[in-house]
Amino acid sequence: MKLLDRYNRSTILLTVTVMLFAAVVYYFAIKLVLSRQIDKSLEVEEREVLDFVRINGKLPQVFNANHQATAFALTQVPITRRMIDTTYMDVKDNEFEPARAIYTSVMVGPQRYQVTVVQSMVETQDLIKVIFLITLGLIVVLLTALFIFNRIILANIWKPFYIILNQLRSFTLSNGGPIRPINSSIDEFSEMNEAVITMAARAQKDYQALKAFTENAAHELMTPISVVNSKLDSFVQTGAFTNEQSLLLSDMYNSVAKLTRLNRSMLLLAKIENRLITDKQTINLDTLISDTLNQYDDVISGLNIEVKTNLDPKKLDASLLLMEVLISNLIGNAIRHNTEGGRISIELNQHHARFANSGKEKTPLEVQNLFGRFKKSASSDGTGLGLTISKEICDHYGFQLSYQYVNDLHEFVMTFPPAG
């Protein structure tokens, strides 16, 4: 959820809660004030009745005004003065209305009378409803204004933030230009922009230094490796060797070859991670898989491996070098970790490419370490970077490379992103 939406939701929710609570409190406060006003009117009527009896020594004539009535009833017991909510029969409308009544008593000579004064509250309640509707309307207007304010005013305030964010999204170390400064009257955004500019400049500087170091290191490593190879070739031509010496020379050749592959792999991995390989062309993936299998034909025949393929035509826009490395790594991995007389199954369609092989390991591999650098089995003579490079290439093009163990086969599935 975006910060602006979260802020709007929290603000509006808090405002609605406070407004509803305030409206309820306001409603009961108005009702209490108006009820007290009615009570005062009833007390005025009570005093008029008592004053009339005190002066004239008799009960006043019963007079029923609009929404108000006074009644007298002879009683033998004392009456406790009280005010209560009751109902009032409106003769004109012939319906009961909510009302407020006062009960008291008066002595006329030796006789005690109960005095009941009832006043309708219908006008009061109508007034409360009007006030409540006006208050509710003000709440709706306030919430609407608050929503518009948040959507327009705050969106304009946060505009510099989104400008910085878009620059960061489009920024790349390999070919990205510097982050442009923005003009903002808000100190926090200005400080953030300065920090981002400084960080981007430092990252580009470090990237250029790392790039130069990687290229120079790879170049410098190739020179002594070539010298060692050349010296070994010259040494081999010097004469006959014992079996022990031949084994030592073979081990040296293998170590130098492995060092060469490791140097090339690390250099390629650095180029992939730093997005230095940017060329693209249309590649027929099915043809590339078939050609790669043909290159491994002698090894496959030597191990008597059964190969089954089901390749649909599939075109990709990518670097030919990277796709050759990717397919070669996956097929080479299926062959190198296979057993004599084993099997390989390769399936390609518009959605995924699946490379499955039988193997020496009859249990699932540890997925958490599978694509890590220099992670390999004890019996492997590889560099431990093949699957790491494959994963980096897949990530570079938005492919998803996953592993699963199904029907005694180790499967690597490369899922392509949706078309378009």
Protein backbone atom coordinates (compact mmCIF):
# COMPACT_ATOMS: atom_id res chain seq x y z
CA MET A 1 0.00 0.00 0.00
CA LYS A 2 1.32 3.45 -0.90
CA LEU A 3 2.18 5.84 1.89
CA LEU A 4 -0.29 8.45 0.59
CA ASP A 5 -3.14 5.92 0.51
CA ARG A 6 -2.20 4.65 3.96
CA TYR A 7 -2.16 8.20 5.29
CA ASN A 8 -5.52 8.99 3.65
CA ARG A 9 -7.11 5.84 5.05
CA SER A 10 -5.75 6.41 8.55
CA THR A 11 -6.69 10.09 8.57
CA ILE A 12 -10.21 9.54 7.25
CA LEU A 13 -10.80 6.60 9.60
CA LEU A 14 -9.64 8.65 12.59
CA THR A 15 -11.71 11.64 11.48
CA VAL A 16 -14.85 9.54 10.99
CA THR A 17 -14.40 7.94 14.42
CA VAL A 18 -13.90 11.30 16.13
CA MET A 19 -16.78 12.88 14.22
CA LEU A 20 -19.19 10.06 15.00
CA PHE A 21 -18.23 10.18 18.67
CA ALA A 22 -18.60 13.96 18.65
CA ALA A 23 -21.97 13.70 16.87
CA VAL A 24 -23.28 11.29 19.50
CA VAL A 25 -22.03 13.52 22.32
CA TYR A 26 -23.47 16.57 20.54
CA TYR A 27 -26.82 14.83 20.07
CA PHE A 28 -27.17 13.97 23.75
CA ALA A 29 -25.90 17.39 24.79
CA ILE A 30 -28.52 19.16 22.66
CA LYS A 31 -31.18 16.77 23.89
CA LEU A 32 -30.20 17.47 27.51
CA VAL A 33 -30.23 21.25 26.97
CA LEU A 34 -33.65 21.18 25.30
CA SER A 35 -35.01 18.81 27.95
CA ARG A 36 -33.88 21.22 30.66
CA GLN A 37 -35.58 24.03 28.78
CA ILE A 38 -38.82 22.06 28.77
CA ASP A 39 -38.35 21.31 32.47
CA LYS A 40 -38.07 25.03 33.15
CA SER A 41 -41.29 25.60 31.20
CA LEU A 42 -43.00 22.93 33.30
CA GLU A 43 -41.70 24.58 36.50
CA VAL A 44 -43.12 27.91 35.31
CA GLU A 45 -46.53 26.28 34.81
CA GLU A 46 -46.19 24.66 38.24
CA ARG A 47 -45.50 28.03 39.92
CA GLU A 48 -48.44 29.67 38.14
CA VAL A 49 -50.78 26.94 39.40
CA LEU A 50 -49.45 27.19 42.96
CA ASP A 51 -49.62 31.00 42.92
CA PHE A 52 -53.18 30.92 41.59
CA VAL A 53 -54.28 28.53 44.36
CA ARG A 54 -52.48 30.57 47.01
CA ILE A 55 -54.12 33.84 45.90
CA ASN A 56 -57.59 32.59 44.93
CA GLY A 57 -57.97 29.57 47.20
CA LYS A 58 -59.23 27.42 44.37
CA LEU A 59 -57.95 25.50 41.39
CA PRO A 60 -57.44 27.36 38.14
CA GLN A 61 -59.59 26.51 35.19
CA VAL A 62 -58.14 23.63 33.19
CA PHE A 63 -56.69 25.02 30.02
CA ASN A 64 -55.01 22.89 27.30
CA ALA A 65 -52.77 24.83 24.98
CA ASN A 66 -51.06 23.55 21.82
CA HIS A 67 -48.91 20.55 22.81
CA GLN A 68 -49.48 21.26 26.53
CA ALA A 69 -52.08 20.08 29.03
CA THR A 70 -52.75 20.58 32.74
CA ALA A 71 -54.84 18.16 34.83
CA PHE A 72 -55.95 18.00 38.48
CA ALA A 73 -56.95 14.87 40.40
CA LEU A 74 -58.17 14.53 43.99
CA THR A 75 -55.79 12.37 46.04
CA GLN A 76 -55.51 11.18 49.63
CA VAL A 77 -51.81 10.35 49.64
CA PRO A 78 -48.83 12.66 49.48
CA ILE A 79 -47.37 13.16 46.03
CA THR A 80 -43.63 13.16 45.49
CA ARG A 81 -42.67 15.91 43.11
CA ARG A 82 -40.95 14.44 40.05
CA MET A 83 -40.40 14.91 36.33
CA ILE A 84 -40.61 12.00 33.90
CA ASP A 85 -40.68 11.20 30.21
CA THR A 86 -44.12 10.12 29.06
CA THR A 87 -46.47 10.33 26.08
CA TYR A 88 -49.03 12.93 25.13
CA MET A 89 -52.20 12.40 23.09
CA ASP A 90 -52.46 15.08 20.43
CA VAL A 91 -56.19 15.46 19.86
CA LYS A 92 -55.68 17.40 16.67
CA ASP A 93 -53.46 14.77 14.99
CA ASN A 94 -55.03 11.92 16.99
CA GLU A 95 -51.67 10.36 17.78
CA PHE A 96 -49.38 9.89 20.72
CA GLU A 97 -46.35 12.12 20.96
CA PRO A 98 -43.31 11.94 23.26
CA ALA A 99 -43.74 14.34 26.12
CA ARG A 100 -42.29 15.53 29.40
CA ALA A 101 -44.46 15.72 32.54
CA ILE A 102 -44.20 17.11 36.04
CA TYR A 103 -46.13 15.59 38.91
CA THR A 104 -46.71 17.66 42.04
CA SER A 105 -49.48 18.37 44.55
CA VAL A 106 -51.41 21.38 45.91
CA MET A 107 -53.69 21.86 48.92
CA VAL A 108 -57.02 23.61 48.29
CA GLY A 109 -58.50 23.97 51.72
CA PRO A 110 -58.53 20.56 53.37
CA GLN A 111 -58.29 18.69 50.08
CA ARG A 112 -55.11 17.56 48.33
CA TYR A 113 -54.94 17.57 44.54
CA GLN A 114 -52.39 15.98 42.23
CA VAL A 115 -51.23 18.44 39.62
CA THR A 116 -50.04 17.03 36.29
CA VAL A 117 -48.54 19.29 33.66
CA VAL A 118 -47.62 17.61 30.38
CA GLN A 119 -45.74 19.28 27.52
CA SER A 120 -45.15 17.65 24.15
CA MET A 121 -41.54 17.14 23.06
CA VAL A 122 -42.33 16.63 19.38
CA GLU A 123 -41.09 20.08 18.43
CA THR A 124 -37.99 19.55 20.52
CA GLN A 125 -37.28 16.24 18.85
CA ASP A 126 -37.90 17.76 15.44
CA LEU A 127 -35.40 20.46 16.33
CA ILE A 128 -32.89 17.82 17.50
CA LYS A 129 -33.33 15.94 14.22
CA VAL A 130 -32.74 19.09 12.20
CA ILE A 131 -29.63 19.93 14.23
CA PHE A 132 -28.38 16.34 13.91
CA LEU A 133 -28.94 16.29 10.12
CA ILE A 134 -27.12 19.62 9.77
CA THR A 135 -24.24 18.24 11.85
CA LEU A 136 -24.16 15.05 9.76
CA GLY A 137 -24.10 17.13 6.58
CA LEU A 138 -21.19 19.16 7.94
CA ILE A 139 -19.35 15.91 8.73
CA VAL A 140 -19.88 14.66 5.16
CA VAL A 141 -18.71 17.99 3.73
CA LEU A 142 -15.67 17.95 6.02
CA LEU A 143 -14.75 14.38 5.06
CA THR A 144 -15.16 15.18 1.36
CA ALA A 145 -12.98 18.26 1.71
CA LEU A 146 -10.41 16.25 3.67
CA PHE A 147 -10.34 13.54 1.01
CA ILE A 148 -9.91 16.09 -1.79
CA PHE A 149 -7.22 17.84 0.22
CA ASN A 150 -5.32 14.61 0.75
CA ARG A 151 -5.61 13.54 -2.89
CA ILE A 152 -4.64 16.88 -4.43
CA ILE A 153 -2.65 18.91 -1.92
CA LEU A 154 -0.69 16.04 -0.39
CA ALA A 155 -0.09 14.47 -3.81
CA ASN A 156 1.50 17.74 -4.90
CA ILE A 157 3.54 17.89 -1.69
CA TRP A 158 4.85 14.34 -2.26
CA LYS A 159 5.63 14.98 -5.94
CA PRO A 160 9.41 15.50 -5.34
CA PHE A 161 9.55 12.14 -3.56
CA TYR A 162 8.11 10.32 -6.57
CA ILE A 163 10.49 12.17 -8.90
CA ILE A 164 13.43 10.88 -6.84
CA LEU A 165 11.90 7.40 -6.75
CA ASN A 166 11.49 7.27 -10.54
CA GLN A 167 15.10 8.39 -11.00
CA LEU A 168 16.26 5.59 -8.69
CA ARG A 169 14.18 3.03 -10.61
CA SER A 170 15.77 4.02 -13.92
CA PHE A 171 19.27 4.35 -12.47
CA THR A 172 21.81 1.70 -13.47
CA LEU A 173 25.48 1.52 -12.60
CA SER A 174 26.63 0.55 -16.08
CA ASN A 175 25.07 3.29 -18.19
CA GLY A 176 22.99 5.39 -15.80
CA GLY A 177 23.65 9.11 -15.60
CA PRO A 178 23.81 11.04 -12.34
CA ILE A 179 20.68 11.63 -10.28
CA ARG A 180 19.31 15.06 -11.13
CA PRO A 181 18.71 17.55 -8.30
CA ILE A 182 15.14 18.66 -7.64
CA ASN A 183 13.70 21.94 -6.46
CA SER A 184 11.65 21.45 -3.33
CA SER A 185 10.67 23.77 -0.50
CA ILE A 186 10.47 20.81 1.88
CA ASP A 187 13.72 20.31 3.76
CA GLU A 188 13.32 16.53 4.14
CA PHE A 189 12.97 15.97 0.40
CA SER A 190 15.90 18.27 -0.37
CA GLU A 191 18.08 16.40 2.12
CA MET A 192 16.97 13.05 0.72
CA ASN A 193 17.78 14.20 -2.82
CA GLU A 194 21.25 15.30 -1.75
CA ALA A 195 21.83 11.97 0.00
CA VAL A 196 20.67 10.03 -3.07
CA ILE A 197 22.90 12.07 -5.38
CA THR A 198 25.90 11.44 -3.10
CA MET A 199 25.09 7.72 -2.83
CA ALA A 200 24.65 7.33 -6.61
CA ALA A 201 27.96 9.11 -7.32
CA ARG A 202 29.76 6.93 -4.77
CA ALA A 203 28.18 3.77 -6.17
CA GLN A 204 29.20 4.68 -9.73
CA LYS A 205 32.71 5.41 -8.58
CA ASP A 206 32.95 2.09 -6.74
CA TYR A 207 31.43 0.30 -9.71
CA GLN A 208 33.97 1.73 -12.12
CA ALA A 209 36.78 0.78 -9.74
CA LEU A 210 35.41 -2.76 -9.37
CA LYS A 211 34.94 -3.08 -13.12
CA ALA A 212 38.49 -1.98 -13.78
CA PHE A 213 39.82 -4.30 -11.07
CA THR A 214 37.88 -7.29 -12.43
CA GLU A 215 39.03 -6.73 -15.98
CA ASN A 216 42.63 -6.13 -14.95
CA ALA A 217 42.66 -9.10 -12.56
CA ALA A 218 41.25 -11.43 -15.24
CA HIS A 219 43.76 -10.16 -17.77
CA GLU A 220 46.68 -10.44 -15.37
CA LEU A 221 45.67 -13.96 -14.32
CA MET A 222 45.57 -15.17 -17.91
CA THR A 223 49.22 -14.25 -18.42
CA PRO A 224 50.74 -16.52 -15.73
CA ILE A 225 48.26 -19.26 -16.62
CA SER A 226 49.40 -19.11 -20.23
CA VAL A 227 53.04 -19.15 -19.09
CA VAL A 228 52.42 -22.22 -16.92
CA ASN A 229 50.71 -23.99 -19.83
CA SER A 230 53.55 -23.10 -22.16
CA LYS A 231 56.18 -24.29 -19.67
CA LEU A 232 54.32 -27.56 -19.15
CA ASP A 233 54.16 -28.13 -22.91
CA SER A 234 57.92 -27.48 -23.18
CA PHE A 235 58.62 -29.74 -20.23
CA VAL A 236 56.60 -32.59 -21.75
CA GLN A 237 58.68 -32.40 -24.91
CA THR A 238 61.96 -32.85 -23.01
CA GLY A 239 61.81 -36.65 -22.86
CA ALA A 240 60.23 -39.75 -21.42
CA PHE A 241 58.70 -39.77 -17.92
CA THR A 242 57.93 -42.40 -15.40
CA ASN A 243 54.33 -43.28 -14.58
CA GLU A 244 54.54 -41.27 -11.39
CA GLN A 245 55.84 -38.24 -13.25
CA SER A 246 53.13 -38.63 -15.91
CA LEU A 247 50.46 -38.63 -13.21
CA LEU A 248 51.93 -35.51 -11.68
CA LEU A 249 51.98 -33.76 -15.07
CA SER A 250 48.38 -34.83 -15.71
CA ASP A 251 47.31 -33.38 -12.36
CA MET A 252 49.12 -30.15 -13.18
CA TYR A 253 47.42 -29.89 -16.57
CA ASN A 254 44.02 -30.51 -14.99
CA SER A 255 44.65 -27.91 -12.28
CA VAL A 256 45.74 -25.30 -14.84
CA ALA A 257 42.69 -26.10 -17.00
CA LYS A 258 40.42 -25.77 -13.97
CA LEU A 259 42.08 -22.48 -13.03
CA THR A 260 41.49 -21.23 -16.57
CA ARG A 261 37.81 -22.19 -16.43
CA LEU A 262 37.46 -20.61 -13.00
CA ASN A 263 39.02 -17.36 -14.19
CA ARG A 264 36.74 -17.21 -17.21
CA SER A 265 33.68 -18.08 -15.11
CA MET A 266 34.40 -15.40 -12.52
CA LEU A 267 34.97 -12.82 -15.24
CA LEU A 268 31.72 -13.80 -16.97
CA LEU A 269 29.83 -13.72 -13.67
CA ALA A 270 31.13 -10.23 -12.94
CA LYS A 271 30.06 -9.04 -16.39
CA ILE A 272 26.57 -10.51 -15.95
CA GLU A 273 26.08 -9.03 -12.48
CA ASN A 274 27.25 -5.61 -13.66
CA ARG A 275 25.08 -5.78 -16.81
CA LEU A 276 28.07 -5.37 -19.10
CA ILE A 277 26.71 -7.75 -21.75
CA THR A 278 23.90 -5.85 -23.42
CA ASP A 279 23.84 -7.15 -27.01
CA LYS A 280 20.61 -8.79 -28.19
CA GLN A 281 19.48 -10.80 -31.15
CA THR A 282 16.68 -13.18 -31.99
CA ILE A 283 17.66 -16.70 -30.98
CA ASN A 284 15.94 -19.95 -31.89
CA LEU A 285 16.19 -21.70 -28.54
CA ASP A 286 15.19 -25.10 -29.92
CA THR A 287 18.01 -24.94 -32.48
CA LEU A 288 20.50 -23.83 -29.82
CA ILE A 289 19.57 -26.81 -27.60
CA SER A 290 19.93 -29.24 -30.50
CA ASP A 291 23.32 -27.80 -31.50
CA THR A 292 24.57 -27.97 -27.90
CA LEU A 293 23.49 -31.61 -27.62
CA ASN A 294 25.43 -32.38 -30.80
CA GLN A 295 28.55 -30.90 -29.22
CA TYR A 296 28.21 -33.35 -26.31
CA ASP A 297 27.42 -36.29 -28.61
CA ASP A 298 30.73 -38.09 -27.97
CA VAL A 299 30.39 -37.80 -24.18
CA ILE A 300 26.77 -38.94 -24.28
CA SER A 301 27.68 -41.94 -26.44
CA GLY A 302 30.62 -42.81 -24.21
CA LEU A 303 28.37 -42.94 -21.13
CA ASN A 304 25.58 -44.68 -23.06
CA ILE A 305 23.09 -42.06 -21.90
CA GLU A 306 19.59 -42.16 -23.37
CA VAL A 307 18.48 -38.68 -24.50
CA LYS A 308 14.84 -37.80 -25.20
CA THR A 309 13.87 -34.39 -26.52
CA ASN A 310 10.56 -32.67 -27.19
CA LEU A 311 11.42 -29.24 -28.56
CA ASP A 312 8.80 -26.78 -29.76
CA PRO A 313 9.96 -23.73 -31.70
CA LYS A 314 10.80 -20.91 -29.28
CA LYS A 315 12.35 -17.54 -30.07
CA LEU A 316 14.03 -15.24 -27.58
CA ASP A 317 15.63 -11.80 -27.81
CA ALA A 318 18.83 -12.16 -25.81
CA SER A 319 22.61 -12.26 -26.00
CA LEU A 320 23.76 -15.29 -27.97
CA LEU A 321 26.83 -15.62 -25.73
CA LEU A 322 24.77 -15.75 -22.54
CA MET A 323 22.20 -18.15 -23.93
CA GLU A 324 24.97 -20.45 -25.18
CA VAL A 325 26.52 -20.42 -21.70
CA LEU A 326 23.14 -21.03 -20.06
CA ILE A 327 22.13 -23.98 -22.24
CA SER A 328 25.65 -25.45 -22.16
CA ASN A 329 25.72 -25.26 -18.35
CA LEU A 330 22.32 -26.95 -17.94
CA ILE A 331 23.05 -29.72 -20.45
CA GLY A 332 26.61 -30.15 -19.20
CA ASN A 333 25.30 -30.37 -15.64
CA ALA A 334 22.81 -33.08 -16.70
CA ILE A 335 25.63 -35.08 -18.30
CA ARG A 336 28.35 -34.52 -15.69
CA HIS A 337 26.18 -35.63 -12.77
CA ASN A 338 24.58 -38.53 -14.65
CA THR A 339 25.44 -42.22 -14.44
CA GLU A 340 26.51 -44.65 -17.12
CA GLY A 341 23.41 -45.93 -18.87
CA GLY A 342 21.36 -43.08 -17.40
CA ARG A 343 18.83 -40.86 -19.13
CA ILE A 344 18.25 -37.22 -19.99
CA SER A 345 14.94 -35.63 -20.91
CA ILE A 346 14.70 -32.12 -22.39
CA GLU A 347 11.36 -30.44 -23.03
CA LEU A 348 10.80 -27.00 -24.55
CA ASN A 349 7.56 -25.12 -25.15
CA GLN A 350 6.39 -21.52 -25.11
CA HIS A 351 6.21 -21.41 -21.32
CA HIS A 352 9.24 -23.26 -20.01
CA ALA A 353 12.31 -25.38 -20.73
CA ARG A 354 12.81 -28.50 -18.62
CA PHE A 355 16.11 -30.33 -18.23
CA ALA A 356 15.77 -33.64 -16.32
CA ASN A 357 18.41 -36.28 -15.70
CA SER A 358 19.05 -39.35 -13.64
CA GLY A 359 21.99 -38.96 -11.31
CA LYS A 360 24.36 -40.41 -8.81
CA GLU A 361 22.39 -38.75 -6.01
CA LYS A 362 19.11 -40.60 -5.42
CA THR A 363 17.74 -37.95 -3.07
CA PRO A 364 16.70 -34.32 -3.65
CA LEU A 365 19.49 -31.77 -3.57
CA GLU A 366 19.61 -28.96 -1.01
CA VAL A 367 17.83 -26.14 -2.81
CA GLN A 368 19.07 -23.43 -0.43
CA ASN A 369 22.69 -24.08 -1.44
CA LEU A 370 22.10 -25.22 -5.01
CA PHE A 371 22.64 -21.87 -6.75
CA GLY A 372 25.25 -20.54 -4.33
CA ARG A 373 28.79 -19.79 -5.39
CA PHE A 374 31.29 -22.62 -5.18
CA LYS A 375 28.56 -24.98 -3.95
CA LYS A 376 29.18 -28.42 -5.42
CA SER A 377 29.16 -32.07 -4.48
CA ALA A 378 32.29 -33.79 -3.22
CA SER A 379 32.54 -35.87 -6.41
CA SER A 380 32.28 -32.89 -8.76
CA ASP A 381 35.37 -31.61 -10.54
CA GLY A 382 33.71 -28.40 -11.72
CA THR A 383 34.29 -24.86 -10.54
CA GLY A 384 31.08 -24.62 -8.53
CA LEU A 385 29.95 -21.59 -10.54
CA GLY A 386 27.97 -23.23 -13.34
CA LEU A 387 24.54 -23.09 -11.69
CA THR A 388 25.36 -19.68 -10.17
CA ILE A 389 26.03 -18.28 -13.63
CA SER A 390 22.88 -19.98 -14.97
CA LYS A 391 20.79 -18.40 -12.22
CA GLU A 392 22.29 -14.96 -12.85
CA ILE A 393 21.56 -15.22 -16.58
CA CYS A 394 17.96 -16.25 -15.87
CA ASP A 395 17.53 -13.37 -13.44
CA HIS A 396 19.04 -11.01 -16.00
CA TYR A 397 16.31 -11.87 -18.53
CA GLY A 398 13.47 -12.33 -16.07
CA PHE A 399 13.41 -16.14 -16.27
CA GLN A 400 12.68 -18.22 -13.20
CA LEU A 401 15.09 -21.11 -12.67
CA SER A 402 13.86 -23.75 -10.21
CA TYR A 403 14.83 -27.25 -9.13
CA GLN A 404 12.72 -30.28 -8.22
CA TYR A 405 13.19 -34.00 -7.80
CA VAL A 406 10.43 -35.97 -9.54
CA ASN A 407 10.28 -39.68 -10.42
CA ASP A 408 13.96 -40.24 -9.58
CA LEU A 409 14.95 -37.40 -11.92
CA HIS A 410 16.68 -34.15 -11.05
CA GLU A 411 14.79 -31.43 -12.94
CA PHE A 412 15.84 -27.87 -13.65
CA VAL A 413 12.93 -25.86 -15.02
CA MET A 414 13.46 -22.51 -16.69
CA THR A 415 10.13 -20.63 -16.78
CA PHE A 416 9.79 -17.79 -19.27
CA PRO A 417 7.96 -14.55 -18.40
CA PRO A 418 4.50 -14.04 -19.96
CA ALA A 419 4.55 -12.73 -23.50
CA GLY A 420 4.00 -9.01 -23.87
